[in-house]
Amino acid sequence: MRTVLVSLAVFVTVLVAVVAFVSWRDRNRSLSPEDRAAVRDAGADQARHEAERHFVQGRAAGHQMPDST
């Protein structure tokens, strides 16, 4: 009985190690330099869009306020 339990524990340990290694390898392989550049460019585009939207909203709010003088 002990041999069966030890064999099962070794099998599960090896299986977990193989799954962890393959997932780590695939994750490193899936992130190519092009993907990283695309993520960086998308972040820059989003920041620029948010800045432009903020600027336009600020100008629109300034035009809606009555003159205080």
Protein backbone atom coordinates (compact mmCIF):
# COMPACT_ATOMS: atom_id res chain seq x y z
CA MET A 1 0.00 0.00 0.00
CA ARG A 2 2.82 2.37 0.84
CA THR A 3 4.41 1.72 -2.57
CA VAL A 4 1.19 2.69 -4.31
CA LEU A 5 0.91 5.92 -2.34
CA VAL A 6 4.55 6.85 -2.94
CA SER A 7 4.20 6.07 -6.65
CA LEU A 8 1.03 8.17 -6.84
CA ALA A 9 2.72 11.07 -5.02
CA VAL A 10 5.72 10.92 -7.36
CA PHE A 11 3.42 10.79 -10.41
CA VAL A 12 1.40 13.80 -9.21
CA THR A 13 4.57 15.75 -8.43
CA VAL A 14 6.05 15.06 -11.86
CA LEU A 15 2.75 15.93 -13.54
CA VAL A 16 2.51 19.27 -11.71
CA ALA A 17 6.13 20.07 -12.58
CA VAL A 18 5.56 19.30 -16.27
CA VAL A 19 2.38 21.41 -16.41
CA ALA A 20 4.12 24.31 -14.64
CA PHE A 21 7.12 24.15 -16.97
CA VAL A 22 5.02 23.99 -20.14
CA SER A 23 2.80 26.89 -19.07
CA TRP A 24 5.86 28.98 -18.14
CA ARG A 25 7.52 28.20 -21.48
CA ASP A 26 4.39 29.01 -23.49
CA ARG A 27 3.85 32.27 -21.62
CA ASN A 28 7.38 33.41 -22.41
CA ARG A 29 7.01 32.34 -26.02
CA SER A 30 3.67 34.11 -26.51
CA LEU A 31 5.06 37.55 -25.58
CA SER A 32 6.96 38.55 -28.66
CA PRO A 33 8.66 41.94 -29.08
CA GLU A 34 5.85 42.93 -31.45
CA ASP A 35 3.26 42.21 -28.76
CA ARG A 36 5.13 44.31 -26.22
CA ALA A 37 5.41 47.17 -28.71
CA ALA A 38 1.71 46.91 -29.51
CA VAL A 39 0.81 47.07 -25.81
CA ARG A 40 3.08 50.09 -25.34
CA ASP A 41 1.62 51.87 -28.39
CA ALA A 42 -1.93 51.13 -27.27
CA GLY A 43 -1.17 52.62 -23.85
CA ALA A 44 0.30 55.74 -25.45
CA ASP A 45 -2.72 56.09 -27.74
CA GLN A 46 -5.08 55.72 -24.80
CA ALA A 47 -3.21 58.32 -22.75
CA ARG A 48 -3.19 60.75 -25.69
CA HIS A 49 -6.92 60.23 -26.25
CA GLU A 50 -7.67 60.84 -22.57
CA ALA A 51 -5.56 64.00 -22.58
CA GLU A 52 -7.32 65.32 -25.69
CA ARG A 53 -10.73 64.52 -24.18
CA HIS A 54 -9.79 66.26 -20.95
CA PHE A 55 -8.61 69.34 -22.89
CA VAL A 56 -11.80 69.50 -24.95
CA GLN A 57 -14.00 69.10 -21.88
CA GLY A 58 -12.08 71.85 -20.12
CA ARG A 59 -12.55 74.20 -23.05
CA ALA A 60 -16.26 73.34 -23.27
CA ALA A 61 -16.72 73.99 -19.55
CA GLY A 62 -14.93 77.32 -19.88
CA HIS A 63 -17.28 78.45 -22.65
CA GLN A 64 -20.39 77.56 -20.68
CA MET A 65 -19.53 79.70 -17.65
CA PRO A 66 -20.88 83.23 -17.72
CA ASP A 67 -18.42 86.11 -17.48
CA SER A 68 -17.90 87.28 -13.93
CA THR A 69 -16.99 90.82 -14.95
